[in-house]
Amino acid sequence: MARYVEVMAITNIKATYSLTAETTRNLRLLAKFWGVAKSAALRRVIDERLHQERATFSAPGNAKLEAIDWLRKHRLSRVKAQEWKADVRISRENADRRSASKWKHTTSTRIS
């Protein structure tokens, strides 16, 4: 009598990335220390780092999270949002002009 067992498929996506020689060496060392394949070590490092980033993002006092909360609370009207967008654009353009002006006045010396 045949028995059937339900097994969840594990999706593996093969991908190609360019790593420096040092990063490759470090990945190989981590895999060796942990006794796992390099791909498993890479997954573990990525998962842990993502967990850390999520914890940092959700931490009290996080400026990004506070900004999102403020926007949700104040629900800017379309007109106010457009005004804010224009103000930000002008501020950035002014900062770009100041930065360009600063670099324009520097002199370069040519070495032959």
N, C-alpha and C. Protein backbone atom coordinates (compact mmCIF):
# COMPACT_ATOMS: atom_id res chain seq x y z
N MET A 1 0.84 -1.17 0.00
CA MET A 1 0.00 0.00 0.00
C MET A 1 0.89 1.24 0.00
N ALA A 2 0.66 2.16 -0.91
CA ALA A 2 1.48 3.37 -1.03
C ALA A 2 1.00 4.42 -0.04
N ARG A 3 1.95 5.14 0.51
CA ARG A 3 1.62 6.23 1.42
C ARG A 3 2.03 7.54 0.77
N TYR A 4 1.21 8.57 0.93
CA TYR A 4 1.52 9.89 0.40
C TYR A 4 1.73 10.85 1.55
N VAL A 5 2.79 11.59 1.47
CA VAL A 5 3.12 12.56 2.51
C VAL A 5 3.13 13.94 1.88
N GLU A 6 2.43 14.87 2.52
CA GLU A 6 2.45 16.24 2.00
C GLU A 6 3.74 16.92 2.42
N VAL A 7 4.42 17.48 1.47
CA VAL A 7 5.68 18.17 1.73
C VAL A 7 5.59 19.56 1.11
N MET A 8 5.92 20.57 1.90
CA MET A 8 5.93 21.93 1.35
C MET A 8 7.16 22.10 0.48
N ALA A 9 6.97 22.69 -0.65
CA ALA A 9 8.11 22.94 -1.55
C ALA A 9 8.90 24.12 -1.02
N ILE A 10 10.19 24.00 -1.10
CA ILE A 10 11.07 25.10 -0.70
C ILE A 10 11.55 25.77 -1.99
N THR A 11 11.26 27.03 -2.09
CA THR A 11 11.65 27.76 -3.29
C THR A 11 13.08 28.24 -3.16
N ASN A 12 13.89 27.86 -4.09
CA ASN A 12 15.27 28.34 -4.15
C ASN A 12 15.42 29.13 -5.44
N ILE A 13 15.92 30.31 -5.32
CA ILE A 13 16.16 31.15 -6.49
C ILE A 13 17.66 31.31 -6.62
N LYS A 14 18.18 30.86 -7.72
CA LYS A 14 19.61 31.03 -7.96
C LYS A 14 19.83 32.44 -8.48
N ALA A 15 20.82 33.10 -7.93
CA ALA A 15 21.11 34.47 -8.33
C ALA A 15 22.62 34.65 -8.44
N THR A 16 23.02 35.60 -9.22
CA THR A 16 24.43 35.89 -9.39
C THR A 16 24.72 37.28 -8.85
N TYR A 17 25.70 37.38 -7.98
CA TYR A 17 26.12 38.66 -7.41
C TYR A 17 27.63 38.78 -7.54
N SER A 18 28.10 39.98 -7.62
CA SER A 18 29.54 40.22 -7.66
C SER A 18 30.01 40.58 -6.26
N LEU A 19 30.95 39.83 -5.76
CA LEU A 19 31.51 40.08 -4.43
C LEU A 19 33.00 40.31 -4.56
N THR A 20 33.54 41.11 -3.66
CA THR A 20 34.99 41.30 -3.65
C THR A 20 35.65 40.02 -3.15
N ALA A 21 36.93 39.91 -3.41
CA ALA A 21 37.67 38.74 -2.94
C ALA A 21 37.61 38.65 -1.42
N GLU A 22 37.71 39.78 -0.75
CA GLU A 22 37.67 39.80 0.71
C GLU A 22 36.31 39.34 1.23
N THR A 23 35.24 39.82 0.61
CA THR A 23 33.89 39.41 1.03
C THR A 23 33.70 37.92 0.82
N THR A 24 34.19 37.40 -0.29
CA THR A 24 34.09 35.97 -0.57
C THR A 24 34.85 35.16 0.47
N ARG A 25 36.04 35.63 0.83
CA ARG A 25 36.84 34.98 1.87
C ARG A 25 36.09 34.99 3.20
N ASN A 26 35.52 36.14 3.54
CA ASN A 26 34.79 36.27 4.81
C ASN A 26 33.56 35.36 4.83
N LEU A 27 32.85 35.28 3.71
CA LEU A 27 31.69 34.40 3.61
C LEU A 27 32.10 32.95 3.80
N ARG A 28 33.20 32.56 3.17
CA ARG A 28 33.70 31.20 3.30
C ARG A 28 34.06 30.90 4.76
N LEU A 29 34.70 31.86 5.44
CA LEU A 29 35.07 31.67 6.86
C LEU A 29 33.83 31.53 7.73
N LEU A 30 32.83 32.39 7.52
CA LEU A 30 31.60 32.29 8.31
C LEU A 30 30.95 30.93 8.12
N ALA A 31 30.86 30.49 6.87
CA ALA A 31 30.25 29.20 6.58
C ALA A 31 31.02 28.08 7.29
N LYS A 32 32.33 28.19 7.30
CA LYS A 32 33.16 27.16 7.96
C LYS A 32 32.94 27.19 9.48
N PHE A 33 32.93 28.40 10.07
CA PHE A 33 32.71 28.52 11.52
C PHE A 33 31.36 27.93 11.92
N TRP A 34 30.33 28.20 11.13
CA TRP A 34 28.98 27.76 11.46
C TRP A 34 28.69 26.35 10.98
N GLY A 35 29.57 25.78 10.17
CA GLY A 35 29.35 24.43 9.66
C GLY A 35 28.19 24.32 8.69
N VAL A 36 28.02 25.36 7.88
CA VAL A 36 26.93 25.37 6.90
C VAL A 36 27.49 25.74 5.53
N ALA A 37 26.66 25.61 4.50
CA ALA A 37 27.06 26.02 3.17
C ALA A 37 27.15 27.55 3.09
N LYS A 38 27.90 28.04 2.11
CA LYS A 38 28.04 29.49 1.95
C LYS A 38 26.68 30.16 1.73
N SER A 39 25.81 29.52 0.96
CA SER A 39 24.49 30.12 0.72
C SER A 39 23.69 30.21 2.01
N ALA A 40 23.81 29.20 2.88
CA ALA A 40 23.11 29.23 4.17
C ALA A 40 23.67 30.32 5.06
N ALA A 41 24.99 30.49 5.04
CA ALA A 41 25.62 31.56 5.84
C ALA A 41 25.15 32.92 5.35
N LEU A 42 25.09 33.10 4.03
CA LEU A 42 24.64 34.36 3.46
C LEU A 42 23.19 34.64 3.85
N ARG A 43 22.32 33.63 3.77
CA ARG A 43 20.92 33.81 4.18
C ARG A 43 20.83 34.20 5.65
N ARG A 44 21.63 33.54 6.49
CA ARG A 44 21.60 33.82 7.92
C ARG A 44 22.01 35.27 8.20
N VAL A 45 23.07 35.72 7.55
CA VAL A 45 23.55 37.09 7.76
C VAL A 45 22.49 38.11 7.29
N ILE A 46 21.91 37.85 6.13
CA ILE A 46 20.89 38.77 5.60
C ILE A 46 19.67 38.81 6.52
N ASP A 47 19.19 37.63 6.95
CA ASP A 47 18.02 37.58 7.83
C ASP A 47 18.28 38.31 9.15
N GLU A 48 19.46 38.10 9.73
CA GLU A 48 19.80 38.76 11.00
C GLU A 48 19.87 40.28 10.83
N ARG A 49 20.50 40.72 9.76
CA ARG A 49 20.63 42.16 9.52
C ARG A 49 19.26 42.81 9.31
N LEU A 50 18.39 42.13 8.58
CA LEU A 50 17.04 42.65 8.36
C LEU A 50 16.29 42.75 9.69
N HIS A 51 16.45 41.75 10.53
CA HIS A 51 15.83 41.78 11.85
C HIS A 51 16.33 42.98 12.66
N GLN A 52 17.64 43.25 12.60
CA GLN A 52 18.21 44.40 13.31
C GLN A 52 17.66 45.71 12.76
N GLU A 53 17.57 45.82 11.44
CA GLU A 53 17.07 47.06 10.83
C GLU A 53 15.61 47.30 11.21
N ARG A 54 14.82 46.24 11.20
CA ARG A 54 13.40 46.40 11.59
C ARG A 54 13.29 46.84 13.03
N ALA A 55 14.12 46.27 13.90
CA ALA A 55 14.09 46.66 15.32
C ALA A 55 14.49 48.12 15.48
N THR A 56 15.49 48.56 14.72
CA THR A 56 15.94 49.96 14.78
C THR A 56 14.87 50.89 14.27
N PHE A 57 14.22 50.51 13.17
CA PHE A 57 13.19 51.35 12.57
C PHE A 57 12.01 51.50 13.52
N SER A 58 11.67 50.43 14.26
CA SER A 58 10.51 50.47 15.14
C SER A 58 10.83 51.05 16.51
N ALA A 59 12.10 51.31 16.79
CA ALA A 59 12.49 51.78 18.13
C ALA A 59 11.88 53.15 18.42
N PRO A 60 11.52 53.40 19.69
CA PRO A 60 10.99 54.72 20.06
C PRO A 60 12.03 55.80 19.75
N GLY A 61 11.58 56.94 19.27
CA GLY A 61 12.48 58.04 18.97
C GLY A 61 13.04 57.97 17.56
N ASN A 62 12.62 57.01 16.77
CA ASN A 62 13.10 56.89 15.40
C ASN A 62 12.48 58.01 14.58
N ALA A 63 13.31 58.84 13.98
CA ALA A 63 12.83 60.01 13.24
C ALA A 63 11.95 59.62 12.06
N LYS A 64 12.29 58.54 11.35
CA LYS A 64 11.49 58.12 10.20
C LYS A 64 10.09 57.72 10.65
N LEU A 65 10.03 56.93 11.71
CA LEU A 65 8.75 56.47 12.20
C LEU A 65 7.93 57.64 12.74
N GLU A 66 8.57 58.56 13.43
CA GLU A 66 7.87 59.73 13.95
C GLU A 66 7.32 60.59 12.81
N ALA A 67 8.07 60.71 11.72
CA ALA A 67 7.61 61.49 10.58
C ALA A 67 6.37 60.85 9.96
N ILE A 68 6.39 59.53 9.83
CA ILE A 68 5.23 58.83 9.28
C ILE A 68 4.02 59.03 10.20
N ASP A 69 4.23 58.88 11.50
CA ASP A 69 3.13 59.08 12.46
C ASP A 69 2.57 60.49 12.37
N TRP A 70 3.47 61.49 12.25
CA TRP A 70 3.03 62.88 12.16
C TRP A 70 2.17 63.09 10.91
N LEU A 71 2.63 62.55 9.78
CA LEU A 71 1.87 62.69 8.54
C LEU A 71 0.50 62.03 8.65
N ARG A 72 0.46 60.86 9.25
CA ARG A 72 -0.83 60.18 9.43
C ARG A 72 -1.76 60.99 10.31
N LYS A 73 -1.20 61.55 11.37
CA LYS A 73 -2.01 62.30 12.33
C LYS A 73 -2.57 63.58 11.72
N HIS A 74 -1.74 64.28 10.94
CA HIS A 74 -2.13 65.59 10.42
C HIS A 74 -2.81 65.53 9.05
N ARG A 75 -2.77 64.43 8.39
CA ARG A 75 -3.45 64.25 7.10
C ARG A 75 -3.47 65.52 6.27
N LEU A 76 -2.36 65.79 5.65
CA LEU A 76 -2.26 67.00 4.83
C LEU A 76 -3.24 66.96 3.67
N SER A 77 -3.85 68.11 3.42
CA SER A 77 -4.71 68.21 2.25
C SER A 77 -3.83 68.21 1.01
N ARG A 78 -4.44 68.00 -0.14
CA ARG A 78 -3.67 67.98 -1.39
C ARG A 78 -2.98 69.33 -1.60
N VAL A 79 -3.68 70.43 -1.29
CA VAL A 79 -3.09 71.76 -1.47
C VAL A 79 -1.90 71.95 -0.54
N LYS A 80 -2.06 71.58 0.73
CA LYS A 80 -0.96 71.71 1.69
C LYS A 80 0.22 70.82 1.29
N ALA A 81 -0.07 69.63 0.80
CA ALA A 81 0.99 68.72 0.37
C ALA A 81 1.76 69.32 -0.81
N GLN A 82 1.05 69.93 -1.75
CA GLN A 82 1.70 70.56 -2.91
C GLN A 82 2.55 71.75 -2.47
N GLU A 83 2.05 72.53 -1.51
CA GLU A 83 2.83 73.66 -0.98
C GLU A 83 4.10 73.15 -0.30
N TRP A 84 3.96 72.09 0.49
CA TRP A 84 5.12 71.51 1.18
C TRP A 84 6.13 71.01 0.16
N LYS A 85 5.64 70.35 -0.88
CA LYS A 85 6.52 69.83 -1.93
C LYS A 85 7.28 70.95 -2.62
N ALA A 86 6.59 72.06 -2.90
CA ALA A 86 7.24 73.21 -3.55
C ALA A 86 8.29 73.81 -2.62
N ASP A 87 7.98 73.93 -1.32
CA ASP A 87 8.94 74.47 -0.35
C ASP A 87 10.19 73.60 -0.28
N VAL A 88 10.01 72.28 -0.28
CA VAL A 88 11.15 71.37 -0.22
C VAL A 88 12.00 71.52 -1.48
N ARG A 89 11.34 71.61 -2.65
CA ARG A 89 12.07 71.75 -3.91
C ARG A 89 12.90 73.03 -3.90
N ILE A 90 12.31 74.13 -3.45
CA ILE A 90 13.03 75.41 -3.40
C ILE A 90 14.21 75.31 -2.44
N SER A 91 13.99 74.69 -1.28
CA SER A 91 15.07 74.54 -0.30
C SER A 91 16.23 73.73 -0.88
N ARG A 92 15.90 72.66 -1.60
CA ARG A 92 16.95 71.83 -2.20
C ARG A 92 17.70 72.58 -3.30
N GLU A 93 16.95 73.31 -4.12
CA GLU A 93 17.60 74.10 -5.18
C GLU A 93 18.54 75.13 -4.58
N ASN A 94 18.10 75.79 -3.51
CA ASN A 94 18.95 76.78 -2.85
C ASN A 94 20.21 76.12 -2.27
N ALA A 95 20.04 74.95 -1.68
CA ALA A 95 21.19 74.24 -1.12
C ALA A 95 22.14 73.84 -2.24
N ASP A 96 21.60 73.40 -3.38
CA ASP A 96 22.43 73.03 -4.53
C ASP A 96 23.21 74.24 -5.04
N ARG A 97 22.54 75.40 -5.10
CA ARG A 97 23.22 76.63 -5.57
C ARG A 97 24.35 77.01 -4.62
N ARG A 98 24.08 76.93 -3.31
CA ARG A 98 25.12 77.27 -2.33
C ARG A 98 26.30 76.31 -2.46
N SER A 99 26.00 75.05 -2.65
CA SER A 99 27.06 74.05 -2.79
C SER A 99 27.87 74.29 -4.06
N ALA A 100 27.18 74.58 -5.16
CA ALA A 100 27.87 74.84 -6.43
C ALA A 100 28.72 76.09 -6.33
N SER A 101 28.19 77.10 -5.66
CA SER A 101 28.92 78.35 -5.49
C SER A 101 30.19 78.12 -4.67
N LYS A 102 30.09 77.29 -3.66
CA LYS A 102 31.24 76.99 -2.81
C LYS A 102 32.35 76.33 -3.63
N TRP A 103 31.98 75.40 -4.50
CA TRP A 103 32.98 74.69 -5.28
C TRP A 103 33.51 75.52 -6.43
N LYS A 104 32.73 76.48 -6.92
CA LYS A 104 33.16 77.31 -8.03
C LYS A 104 34.34 78.18 -7.63
N HIS A 105 34.39 78.59 -6.37
CA HIS A 105 35.43 79.49 -5.91
C HIS A 105 36.73 78.79 -5.54
N THR A 106 36.73 77.48 -5.54
CA THR A 106 37.98 76.78 -5.23
C THR A 106 38.85 76.77 -6.47
N THR A 107 40.14 76.80 -6.25
CA THR A 107 41.06 76.79 -7.38
C THR A 107 41.70 75.43 -7.49
N SER A 108 41.99 75.05 -8.70
CA SER A 108 42.66 73.76 -8.89
C SER A 108 44.06 74.03 -9.40
N THR A 109 44.98 73.22 -8.98
CA THR A 109 46.36 73.35 -9.38
C THR A 109 46.71 72.16 -10.25
N ARG A 110 47.25 72.45 -11.39
CA ARG A 110 47.63 71.37 -12.31
C ARG A 110 49.08 71.02 -12.06
N ILE A 111 49.31 69.73 -11.88
CA ILE A 111 50.68 69.27 -11.65
C ILE A 111 51.14 68.59 -12.92
N SER A 112 52.26 69.04 -13.45
CA SER A 112 52.77 68.47 -14.71
C SER A 112 53.86 67.47 -14.42
